[in-house]
All heavy atoms as atom14 arrays in JSON, in Angstrom:
{
  "sequence": "LGAEAPECGLGWNTLAGLGAIESDHGRHGGSVLGEDGFPAPAIRGPAL",
  "atom14_mask": [
    [1, 1, 1, 1, 1, 1, 1, 1, 0, 0, 0, 0, 0, 0],
    [1, 1, 1, 1, 0, 0, 0, 0, 0, 0, 0, 0, 0, 0],
    [1, 1, 1, 1, 1, 0, 0, 0, 0, 0, 0, 0, 0, 0],
    [1, 1, 1, 1, 1, 1, 1, 1, 1, 0, 0, 0, 0, 0],
    [1, 1, 1, 1, 1, 0, 0, 0, 0, 0, 0, 0, 0, 0],
    [1, 1, 1, 1, 1, 1, 1, 0, 0, 0, 0, 0, 0, 0],
    [1, 1, 1, 1, 1, 1, 1, 1, 1, 0, 0, 0, 0, 0],
    [1, 1, 1, 1, 1, 1, 0, 0, 0, 0, 0, 0, 0, 0],
    [1, 1, 1, 1, 0, 0, 0, 0, 0, 0, 0, 0, 0, 0],
    [1, 1, 1, 1, 1, 1, 1, 1, 0, 0, 0, 0, 0, 0],
    [1, 1, 1, 1, 0, 0, 0, 0, 0, 0, 0, 0, 0, 0],
    [1, 1, 1, 1, 1, 1, 1, 1, 1, 1, 1, 1, 1, 1],
    [1, 1, 1, 1, 1, 1, 1, 1, 0, 0, 0, 0, 0, 0],
    [1, 1, 1, 1, 1, 1, 1, 0, 0, 0, 0, 0, 0, 0],
    [1, 1, 1, 1, 1, 1, 1, 1, 0, 0, 0, 0, 0, 0],
    [1, 1, 1, 1, 1, 0, 0, 0, 0, 0, 0, 0, 0, 0],
    [1, 1, 1, 1, 0, 0, 0, 0, 0, 0, 0, 0, 0, 0],
    [1, 1, 1, 1, 1, 1, 1, 1, 0, 0, 0, 0, 0, 0],
    [1, 1, 1, 1, 0, 0, 0, 0, 0, 0, 0, 0, 0, 0],
    [1, 1, 1, 1, 1, 0, 0, 0, 0, 0, 0, 0, 0, 0],
    [1, 1, 1, 1, 1, 1, 1, 1, 0, 0, 0, 0, 0, 0],
    [1, 1, 1, 1, 1, 1, 1, 1, 1, 0, 0, 0, 0, 0],
    [1, 1, 1, 1, 1, 1, 0, 0, 0, 0, 0, 0, 0, 0],
    [1, 1, 1, 1, 1, 1, 1, 1, 0, 0, 0, 0, 0, 0],
    [1, 1, 1, 1, 1, 1, 1, 1, 1, 1, 0, 0, 0, 0],
    [1, 1, 1, 1, 0, 0, 0, 0, 0, 0, 0, 0, 0, 0],
    [1, 1, 1, 1, 1, 1, 1, 1, 1, 1, 1, 0, 0, 0],
    [1, 1, 1, 1, 1, 1, 1, 1, 1, 1, 0, 0, 0, 0],
    [1, 1, 1, 1, 0, 0, 0, 0, 0, 0, 0, 0, 0, 0],
    [1, 1, 1, 1, 0, 0, 0, 0, 0, 0, 0, 0, 0, 0],
    [1, 1, 1, 1, 1, 1, 0, 0, 0, 0, 0, 0, 0, 0],
    [1, 1, 1, 1, 1, 1, 1, 0, 0, 0, 0, 0, 0, 0],
    [1, 1, 1, 1, 1, 1, 1, 1, 0, 0, 0, 0, 0, 0],
    [1, 1, 1, 1, 0, 0, 0, 0, 0, 0, 0, 0, 0, 0],
    [1, 1, 1, 1, 1, 1, 1, 1, 1, 0, 0, 0, 0, 0],
    [1, 1, 1, 1, 1, 1, 1, 1, 0, 0, 0, 0, 0, 0],
    [1, 1, 1, 1, 0, 0, 0, 0, 0, 0, 0, 0, 0, 0],
    [1, 1, 1, 1, 1, 1, 1, 1, 1, 1, 1, 0, 0, 0],
    [1, 1, 1, 1, 1, 1, 1, 0, 0, 0, 0, 0, 0, 0],
    [1, 1, 1, 1, 1, 0, 0, 0, 0, 0, 0, 0, 0, 0],
    [1, 1, 1, 1, 1, 1, 1, 0, 0, 0, 0, 0, 0, 0],
    [1, 1, 1, 1, 1, 0, 0, 0, 0, 0, 0, 0, 0, 0],
    [1, 1, 1, 1, 1, 1, 1, 1, 0, 0, 0, 0, 0, 0],
    [1, 1, 1, 1, 1, 1, 1, 1, 1, 1, 1, 0, 0, 0],
    [1, 1, 1, 1, 0, 0, 0, 0, 0, 0, 0, 0, 0, 0],
    [1, 1, 1, 1, 1, 1, 1, 0, 0, 0, 0, 0, 0, 0],
    [1, 1, 1, 1, 1, 0, 0, 0, 0, 0, 0, 0, 0, 0],
    [1, 1, 1, 1, 1, 1, 1, 1, 0, 0, 0, 0, 0, 0]
  ],
  "atom14_positions": [
    [[18.64, 11.33, -24.34], [18.21, 11.01, -25.7], [17.54, 12.2, -26.36], [17.62, 12.36, -27.58], [17.27, 9.8, -25.7], [17.95, 8.47, -26.03], [18.38, 8.42, -27.49], [19.15, 8.22, -25.14], [0.0, 0.0, 0.0], [0.0, 0.0, 0.0], [0.0, 0.0, 0.0], [0.0, 0.0, 0.0], [0.0, 0.0, 0.0], [0.0, 0.0, 0.0]],
    [[16.92, 13.07, -25.57], [16.37, 14.29, -26.14], [17.44, 15.18, -26.73], [17.2, 15.9, -27.7], [0.0, 0.0, 0.0], [0.0, 0.0, 0.0], [0.0, 0.0, 0.0], [0.0, 0.0, 0.0], [0.0, 0.0, 0.0], [0.0, 0.0, 0.0], [0.0, 0.0, 0.0], [0.0, 0.0, 0.0], [0.0, 0.0, 0.0], [0.0, 0.0, 0.0]],
    [[18.64, 15.12, -26.14], [19.77, 15.89, -26.68], [20.47, 15.14, -27.81], [20.85, 15.73, -28.81], [20.76, 16.2, -25.55], [0.0, 0.0, 0.0], [0.0, 0.0, 0.0], [0.0, 0.0, 0.0], [0.0, 0.0, 0.0], [0.0, 0.0, 0.0], [0.0, 0.0, 0.0], [0.0, 0.0, 0.0], [0.0, 0.0, 0.0], [0.0, 0.0, 0.0]],
    [[20.62, 13.83, -27.66], [21.32, 13.02, -28.65], [20.49, 12.8, -29.91], [21.01, 12.84, -31.03], [21.65, 11.64, -28.08], [22.82, 11.59, -27.15], [23.18, 10.16, -26.79], [22.45, 9.22, -27.14], [24.22, 9.99, -26.13], [0.0, 0.0, 0.0], [0.0, 0.0, 0.0], [0.0, 0.0, 0.0], [0.0, 0.0, 0.0], [0.0, 0.0, 0.0]],
    [[19.21, 12.5, -29.71], [18.34, 12.12, -30.83], [16.96, 12.72, -30.63], [15.99, 12.01, -30.33], [18.25, 10.6, -30.92], [0.0, 0.0, 0.0], [0.0, 0.0, 0.0], [0.0, 0.0, 0.0], [0.0, 0.0, 0.0], [0.0, 0.0, 0.0], [0.0, 0.0, 0.0], [0.0, 0.0, 0.0], [0.0, 0.0, 0.0], [0.0, 0.0, 0.0]],
    [[16.85, 14.05, -30.76], [15.57, 14.7, -30.49], [14.43, 14.22, -31.38], [13.26, 14.34, -31.01], [15.87, 16.19, -30.73], [17.11, 16.2, -31.57], [17.9, 15.0, -31.17], [0.0, 0.0, 0.0], [0.0, 0.0, 0.0], [0.0, 0.0, 0.0], [0.0, 0.0, 0.0], [0.0, 0.0, 0.0], [0.0, 0.0, 0.0], [0.0, 0.0, 0.0]],
    [[14.78, 13.66, -32.54], [13.74, 13.16, -33.43], [13.06, 11.9, -32.89], [11.97, 11.53, -33.34], [14.32, 12.86, -34.82], [15.23, 11.65, -34.9], [16.63, 11.88, -34.35], [16.94, 13.02, -33.93], [17.44, 10.93, -34.36], [0.0, 0.0, 0.0], [0.0, 0.0, 0.0], [0.0, 0.0, 0.0], [0.0, 0.0, 0.0], [0.0, 0.0, 0.0]],
    [[13.68, 11.24, -31.9], [13.13, 9.99, -31.38], [11.86, 10.23, -30.58], [10.85, 9.56, -30.77], [14.17, 9.26, -30.54], [13.56, 7.71, -29.82], [0.0, 0.0, 0.0], [0.0, 0.0, 0.0], [0.0, 0.0, 0.0], [0.0, 0.0, 0.0], [0.0, 0.0, 0.0], [0.0, 0.0, 0.0], [0.0, 0.0, 0.0], [0.0, 0.0, 0.0]],
    [[11.89, 11.18, -29.65], [10.71, 11.48, -28.86], [10.45, 10.5, -27.73], [9.3, 10.31, -27.32], [0.0, 0.0, 0.0], [0.0, 0.0, 0.0], [0.0, 0.0, 0.0], [0.0, 0.0, 0.0], [0.0, 0.0, 0.0], [0.0, 0.0, 0.0], [0.0, 0.0, 0.0], [0.0, 0.0, 0.0], [0.0, 0.0, 0.0], [0.0, 0.0, 0.0]],
    [[11.5, 9.89, -27.21], [11.33, 8.9, -26.15], [10.93, 9.56, -24.84], [11.53, 10.55, -24.43], [12.64, 8.12, -25.95], [12.61, 7.01, -24.91], [11.79, 5.83, -25.42], [14.02, 6.56, -24.56], [0.0, 0.0, 0.0], [0.0, 0.0, 0.0], [0.0, 0.0, 0.0], [0.0, 0.0, 0.0], [0.0, 0.0, 0.0], [0.0, 0.0, 0.0]],
    [[9.94, 8.99, -24.15], [9.52, 9.49, -22.86], [10.05, 8.65, -21.71], [10.3, 7.45, -21.87], [0.0, 0.0, 0.0], [0.0, 0.0, 0.0], [0.0, 0.0, 0.0], [0.0, 0.0, 0.0], [0.0, 0.0, 0.0], [0.0, 0.0, 0.0], [0.0, 0.0, 0.0], [0.0, 0.0, 0.0], [0.0, 0.0, 0.0], [0.0, 0.0, 0.0]],
    [[10.22, 9.26, -20.54], [10.71, 8.52, -19.38], [9.75, 7.4, -19.02], [10.17, 6.35, -18.5], [10.89, 9.45, -18.18], [9.61, 10.01, -17.64], [9.03, 11.21, -17.96], [8.73, 9.38, -16.7], [7.85, 11.36, -17.27], [7.63, 10.26, -16.5], [8.75, 8.17, -16.02], [6.57, 9.95, -15.65], [7.69, 7.86, -15.16], [6.63, 8.75, -14.98]],
    [[8.45, 7.6, -19.27], [7.47, 6.6, -18.87], [7.59, 5.3, -19.67], [7.21, 4.24, -19.18], [6.04, 7.15, -18.94], [5.69, 7.73, -20.3], [6.45, 8.51, -20.87], [4.54, 7.36, -20.82], [0.0, 0.0, 0.0], [0.0, 0.0, 0.0], [0.0, 0.0, 0.0], [0.0, 0.0, 0.0], [0.0, 0.0, 0.0], [0.0, 0.0, 0.0]],
    [[8.13, 5.37, -20.88], [8.39, 4.13, -21.62], [9.49, 3.32, -20.93], [9.37, 2.1, -20.75], [8.79, 4.44, -23.08], [7.66, 4.93, -23.77], [9.31, 3.2, -23.78], [0.0, 0.0, 0.0], [0.0, 0.0, 0.0], [0.0, 0.0, 0.0], [0.0, 0.0, 0.0], [0.0, 0.0, 0.0], [0.0, 0.0, 0.0], [0.0, 0.0, 0.0]],
    [[10.56, 3.99, -20.54], [11.63, 3.29, -19.82], [11.12, 2.75, -18.49], [11.48, 1.64, -18.07], [12.82, 4.23, -19.6], [13.49, 4.71, -20.89], [14.51, 5.79, -20.58], [14.15, 3.55, -21.63], [0.0, 0.0, 0.0], [0.0, 0.0, 0.0], [0.0, 0.0, 0.0], [0.0, 0.0, 0.0], [0.0, 0.0, 0.0], [0.0, 0.0, 0.0]],
    [[10.25, 3.51, -17.83], [9.66, 3.04, -16.58], [8.77, 1.82, -16.82], [8.73, 0.9, -16.0], [8.86, 4.15, -15.93], [0.0, 0.0, 0.0], [0.0, 0.0, 0.0], [0.0, 0.0, 0.0], [0.0, 0.0, 0.0], [0.0, 0.0, 0.0], [0.0, 0.0, 0.0], [0.0, 0.0, 0.0], [0.0, 0.0, 0.0], [0.0, 0.0, 0.0]],
    [[8.07, 1.8, -17.96], [7.27, 0.63, -18.3], [8.13, -0.61, -18.48], [7.79, -1.69, -17.99], [0.0, 0.0, 0.0], [0.0, 0.0, 0.0], [0.0, 0.0, 0.0], [0.0, 0.0, 0.0], [0.0, 0.0, 0.0], [0.0, 0.0, 0.0], [0.0, 0.0, 0.0], [0.0, 0.0, 0.0], [0.0, 0.0, 0.0], [0.0, 0.0, 0.0]],
    [[9.27, -0.45, -19.16], [10.2, -1.57, -19.31], [10.7, -2.04, -17.95], [10.73, -3.24, -17.65], [11.39, -1.17, -20.17], [11.15, -0.91, -21.66], [12.47, -0.48, -22.31], [10.59, -2.12, -22.36], [0.0, 0.0, 0.0], [0.0, 0.0, 0.0], [0.0, 0.0, 0.0], [0.0, 0.0, 0.0], [0.0, 0.0, 0.0], [0.0, 0.0, 0.0]],
    [[11.13, -1.08, -17.11], [11.65, -1.43, -15.8], [10.63, -2.13, -14.92], [10.98, -3.03, -14.15], [0.0, 0.0, 0.0], [0.0, 0.0, 0.0], [0.0, 0.0, 0.0], [0.0, 0.0, 0.0], [0.0, 0.0, 0.0], [0.0, 0.0, 0.0], [0.0, 0.0, 0.0], [0.0, 0.0, 0.0], [0.0, 0.0, 0.0], [0.0, 0.0, 0.0]],
    [[9.36, -1.73, -15.05], [8.31, -2.37, -14.26], [8.14, -3.83, -14.64], [8.06, -4.71, -13.77], [6.99, -1.62, -14.46], [0.0, 0.0, 0.0], [0.0, 0.0, 0.0], [0.0, 0.0, 0.0], [0.0, 0.0, 0.0], [0.0, 0.0, 0.0], [0.0, 0.0, 0.0], [0.0, 0.0, 0.0], [0.0, 0.0, 0.0], [0.0, 0.0, 0.0]],
    [[8.1, -4.1, -15.94], [7.85, -5.46, -16.4], [9.07, -6.35, -16.2], [8.96, -7.52, -15.84], [7.44, -5.45, -17.88], [6.17, -4.59, -18.08], [7.22, -6.86, -18.4], [5.0, -5.0, -17.22], [0.0, 0.0, 0.0], [0.0, 0.0, 0.0], [0.0, 0.0, 0.0], [0.0, 0.0, 0.0], [0.0, 0.0, 0.0], [0.0, 0.0, 0.0]],
    [[10.25, -5.81, -16.42], [11.45, -6.64, -16.36], [11.87, -6.99, -14.94], [12.32, -8.11, -14.69], [12.62, -5.94, -17.08], [12.43, -5.79, -18.58], [12.44, -7.12, -19.33], [12.71, -8.16, -18.71], [12.18, -7.1, -20.54], [0.0, 0.0, 0.0], [0.0, 0.0, 0.0], [0.0, 0.0, 0.0], [0.0, 0.0, 0.0], [0.0, 0.0, 0.0]],
    [[11.76, -6.05, -13.99], [12.32, -6.34, -12.66], [11.64, -5.59, -11.52], [12.19, -5.54, -10.42], [13.81, -5.98, -12.62], [13.98, -4.57, -12.63], [0.0, 0.0, 0.0], [0.0, 0.0, 0.0], [0.0, 0.0, 0.0], [0.0, 0.0, 0.0], [0.0, 0.0, 0.0], [0.0, 0.0, 0.0], [0.0, 0.0, 0.0], [0.0, 0.0, 0.0]],
    [[10.44, -5.02, -11.77], [9.8, -4.19, -10.75], [10.77, -3.1, -10.29], [10.97, -2.88, -9.1], [9.32, -5.03, -9.57], [8.47, -4.24, -8.58], [7.88, -3.22, -8.99], [8.4, -4.65, -7.4], [0.0, 0.0, 0.0], [0.0, 0.0, 0.0], [0.0, 0.0, 0.0], [0.0, 0.0, 0.0], [0.0, 0.0, 0.0], [0.0, 0.0, 0.0]],
    [[11.41, -2.46, -11.26], [12.33, -1.35, -11.0], [13.49, -1.74, -10.07], [13.86, -1.01, -9.16], [11.59, -0.14, -10.42], [10.35, 0.23, -11.17], [10.41, 0.68, -12.48], [9.04, 0.2, -10.84], [9.17, 0.92, -12.9], [8.33, 0.63, -11.93], [0.0, 0.0, 0.0], [0.0, 0.0, 0.0], [0.0, 0.0, 0.0], [0.0, 0.0, 0.0]],
    [[14.05, -2.9, -10.34], [15.2, -3.34, -9.56], [14.87, -3.97, -8.23], [15.76, -4.13, -7.39], [0.0, 0.0, 0.0], [0.0, 0.0, 0.0], [0.0, 0.0, 0.0], [0.0, 0.0, 0.0], [0.0, 0.0, 0.0], [0.0, 0.0, 0.0], [0.0, 0.0, 0.0], [0.0, 0.0, 0.0], [0.0, 0.0, 0.0], [0.0, 0.0, 0.0]],
    [[13.6, -4.37, -8.03], [13.18, -4.91, -6.74], [12.76, -6.37, -6.82], [12.23, -6.92, -5.84], [12.02, -4.08, -6.18], [12.39, -2.63, -5.95], [11.23, -1.8, -5.45], [10.18, -1.68, -6.45], [9.13, -0.86, -6.33], [9.01, -0.09, -5.25], [8.2, -0.8, -7.28], [0.0, 0.0, 0.0], [0.0, 0.0, 0.0], [0.0, 0.0, 0.0]],
    [[13.02, -7.02, -7.95], [12.6, -8.41, -8.1], [13.29, -9.32, -7.07], [14.46, -9.17, -6.77], [12.96, -8.92, -9.5], [12.73, -10.38, -9.67], [11.47, -10.92, -9.85], [13.58, -11.43, -9.64], [11.57, -12.23, -9.95], [12.84, -12.57, -9.82], [0.0, 0.0, 0.0], [0.0, 0.0, 0.0], [0.0, 0.0, 0.0], [0.0, 0.0, 0.0]],
    [[12.51, -10.26, -6.55], [13.07, -11.27, -5.66], [13.61, -10.72, -4.37], [14.49, -11.34, -3.75], [0.0, 0.0, 0.0], [0.0, 0.0, 0.0], [0.0, 0.0, 0.0], [0.0, 0.0, 0.0], [0.0, 0.0, 0.0], [0.0, 0.0, 0.0], [0.0, 0.0, 0.0], [0.0, 0.0, 0.0], [0.0, 0.0, 0.0], [0.0, 0.0, 0.0]],
    [[13.11, -9.58, -3.93], [13.57, -8.99, -2.69], [14.8, -8.12, -2.81], [15.33, -7.65, -1.8], [0.0, 0.0, 0.0], [0.0, 0.0, 0.0], [0.0, 0.0, 0.0], [0.0, 0.0, 0.0], [0.0, 0.0, 0.0], [0.0, 0.0, 0.0], [0.0, 0.0, 0.0], [0.0, 0.0, 0.0], [0.0, 0.0, 0.0], [0.0, 0.0, 0.0]],
    [[15.28, -7.89, -4.04], [16.42, -6.98, -4.2], [16.02, -5.57, -3.81], [14.85, -5.17, -3.9], [16.9, -6.99, -5.66], [17.55, -8.19, -5.98], [0.0, 0.0, 0.0], [0.0, 0.0, 0.0], [0.0, 0.0, 0.0], [0.0, 0.0, 0.0], [0.0, 0.0, 0.0], [0.0, 0.0, 0.0], [0.0, 0.0, 0.0], [0.0, 0.0, 0.0]],
    [[17.0, -4.8, -3.38], [16.79, -3.41, -2.99], [17.65, -2.53, -3.89], [18.85, -2.78, -4.03], [17.16, -3.18, -1.51], [17.03, -1.7, -1.15], [16.27, -4.04, -0.6], [0.0, 0.0, 0.0], [0.0, 0.0, 0.0], [0.0, 0.0, 0.0], [0.0, 0.0, 0.0], [0.0, 0.0, 0.0], [0.0, 0.0, 0.0], [0.0, 0.0, 0.0]],
    [[17.03, -1.54, -4.51], [17.76, -0.63, -5.38], [18.48, 0.41, -4.54], [17.84, 1.23, -3.87], [16.8, 0.04, -6.36], [17.41, 0.91, -7.44], [18.32, 0.1, -8.36], [16.32, 1.6, -8.26], [0.0, 0.0, 0.0], [0.0, 0.0, 0.0], [0.0, 0.0, 0.0], [0.0, 0.0, 0.0], [0.0, 0.0, 0.0], [0.0, 0.0, 0.0]],
    [[19.81, 0.38, -4.56], [20.59, 1.29, -3.73], [20.73, 2.67, -4.33], [20.43, 2.9, -5.5], [0.0, 0.0, 0.0], [0.0, 0.0, 0.0], [0.0, 0.0, 0.0], [0.0, 0.0, 0.0], [0.0, 0.0, 0.0], [0.0, 0.0, 0.0], [0.0, 0.0, 0.0], [0.0, 0.0, 0.0], [0.0, 0.0, 0.0], [0.0, 0.0, 0.0]],
    [[21.21, 3.6, -3.52], [21.44, 4.96, -3.99], [22.51, 5.01, -5.07], [22.58, 5.97, -5.84], [21.83, 5.86, -2.82], [20.65, 6.23, -1.92], [19.53, 6.9, -2.7], [19.81, 7.86, -3.45], [18.37, 6.46, -2.56], [0.0, 0.0, 0.0], [0.0, 0.0, 0.0], [0.0, 0.0, 0.0], [0.0, 0.0, 0.0], [0.0, 0.0, 0.0]],
    [[23.35, 3.99, -5.14], [24.36, 3.93, -6.2], [23.8, 3.42, -7.52], [24.51, 3.34, -8.52], [25.55, 3.06, -5.77], [25.16, 1.62, -5.47], [23.96, 1.27, -5.55], [26.07, 0.83, -5.14], [0.0, 0.0, 0.0], [0.0, 0.0, 0.0], [0.0, 0.0, 0.0], [0.0, 0.0, 0.0], [0.0, 0.0, 0.0], [0.0, 0.0, 0.0]],
    [[22.51, 3.05, -7.53], [21.87, 2.57, -8.74], [21.94, 1.08, -8.95], [21.42, 0.57, -9.94], [0.0, 0.0, 0.0], [0.0, 0.0, 0.0], [0.0, 0.0, 0.0], [0.0, 0.0, 0.0], [0.0, 0.0, 0.0], [0.0, 0.0, 0.0], [0.0, 0.0, 0.0], [0.0, 0.0, 0.0], [0.0, 0.0, 0.0], [0.0, 0.0, 0.0]],
    [[22.56, 0.35, -8.02], [22.71, -1.09, -8.15], [21.72, -1.83, -7.25], [21.66, -1.54, -6.05], [24.13, -1.52, -7.76], [25.18, -1.18, -8.78], [25.68, 0.11, -8.88], [25.67, -2.16, -9.64], [26.66, 0.44, -9.82], [26.65, -1.86, -10.59], [27.13, -0.55, -10.68], [0.0, 0.0, 0.0], [0.0, 0.0, 0.0], [0.0, 0.0, 0.0]],
    [[20.96, -2.78, -7.77], [20.14, -3.62, -6.9], [21.03, -4.58, -6.11], [22.03, -5.08, -6.62], [19.26, -4.42, -7.88], [19.41, -3.75, -9.21], [20.77, -3.1, -9.2], [0.0, 0.0, 0.0], [0.0, 0.0, 0.0], [0.0, 0.0, 0.0], [0.0, 0.0, 0.0], [0.0, 0.0, 0.0], [0.0, 0.0, 0.0], [0.0, 0.0, 0.0]],
    [[20.65, -4.82, -4.87], [21.37, -5.79, -4.05], [20.35, -6.74, -3.44], [19.4, -6.3, -2.78], [22.16, -5.08, -2.95], [0.0, 0.0, 0.0], [0.0, 0.0, 0.0], [0.0, 0.0, 0.0], [0.0, 0.0, 0.0], [0.0, 0.0, 0.0], [0.0, 0.0, 0.0], [0.0, 0.0, 0.0], [0.0, 0.0, 0.0], [0.0, 0.0, 0.0]],
    [[20.52, -8.06, -3.64], [21.54, -8.66, -4.49], [21.3, -8.37, -5.96], [20.22, -7.94, -6.35], [21.41, -10.16, -4.19], [19.99, -10.32, -3.78], [19.62, -9.08, -3.03], [0.0, 0.0, 0.0], [0.0, 0.0, 0.0], [0.0, 0.0, 0.0], [0.0, 0.0, 0.0], [0.0, 0.0, 0.0], [0.0, 0.0, 0.0], [0.0, 0.0, 0.0]],
    [[22.34, -8.65, -6.77], [22.21, -8.45, -8.22], [21.11, -9.34, -8.78], [20.85, -10.42, -8.26], [23.55, -8.77, -8.89], [0.0, 0.0, 0.0], [0.0, 0.0, 0.0], [0.0, 0.0, 0.0], [0.0, 0.0, 0.0], [0.0, 0.0, 0.0], [0.0, 0.0, 0.0], [0.0, 0.0, 0.0], [0.0, 0.0, 0.0], [0.0, 0.0, 0.0]],
    [[20.46, -8.86, -9.82], [19.34, -9.58, -10.43], [19.83, -10.34, -11.65], [20.42, -9.74, -12.56], [18.22, -8.6, -10.81], [17.7, -7.87, -9.57], [17.09, -9.33, -11.52], [16.73, -6.75, -9.87], [0.0, 0.0, 0.0], [0.0, 0.0, 0.0], [0.0, 0.0, 0.0], [0.0, 0.0, 0.0], [0.0, 0.0, 0.0], [0.0, 0.0, 0.0]],
    [[19.59, -11.64, -11.66], [19.97, -12.49, -12.78], [18.81, -13.38, -13.19], [18.06, -13.88, -12.34], [21.17, -13.39, -12.42], [22.46, -12.63, -12.24], [22.99, -12.09, -13.56], [24.23, -11.35, -13.4], [24.29, -10.04, -13.16], [23.17, -9.34, -13.03], [25.45, -9.44, -13.05], [0.0, 0.0, 0.0], [0.0, 0.0, 0.0], [0.0, 0.0, 0.0]],
    [[18.66, -13.58, -14.49], [17.71, -14.55, -14.99], [18.28, -15.94, -14.88], [19.44, -16.14, -14.5], [0.0, 0.0, 0.0], [0.0, 0.0, 0.0], [0.0, 0.0, 0.0], [0.0, 0.0, 0.0], [0.0, 0.0, 0.0], [0.0, 0.0, 0.0], [0.0, 0.0, 0.0], [0.0, 0.0, 0.0], [0.0, 0.0, 0.0], [0.0, 0.0, 0.0]],
    [[17.48, -16.96, -15.23], [17.97, -18.34, -15.17], [19.04, -18.59, -16.21], [19.14, -17.88, -17.22], [16.71, -19.17, -15.48], [15.84, -18.25, -16.28], [16.08, -16.87, -15.72], [0.0, 0.0, 0.0], [0.0, 0.0, 0.0], [0.0, 0.0, 0.0], [0.0, 0.0, 0.0], [0.0, 0.0, 0.0], [0.0, 0.0, 0.0], [0.0, 0.0, 0.0]],
    [[19.85, -19.6, -15.97], [20.85, -20.0, -16.96], [20.15, -20.39, -18.25], [19.19, -21.16, -18.25], [21.67, -21.17, -16.42], [0.0, 0.0, 0.0], [0.0, 0.0, 0.0], [0.0, 0.0, 0.0], [0.0, 0.0, 0.0], [0.0, 0.0, 0.0], [0.0, 0.0, 0.0], [0.0, 0.0, 0.0], [0.0, 0.0, 0.0], [0.0, 0.0, 0.0]],
    [[20.63, -19.86, -19.35], [20.04, -20.17, -20.65], [20.69, -21.44, -21.19], [21.52, -21.41, -22.1], [20.23, -18.97, -21.58], [19.6, -17.68, -21.04], [19.88, -16.51, -21.97], [18.12, -17.84, -20.81], [0.0, 0.0, 0.0], [0.0, 0.0, 0.0], [0.0, 0.0, 0.0], [0.0, 0.0, 0.0], [0.0, 0.0, 0.0], [0.0, 0.0, 0.0]]
  ]
}
């Protein structure tokens, strides 16, 4: 985003803040974040 939209000024720590609140960085419910970037098992919210 620094290259795409330098005027935005987005920091990595903001994205980390989102990841912490949404899923504990891909570790919610015992999921493990793999080296491929995918949590296993996949993380899903309840049926809406």
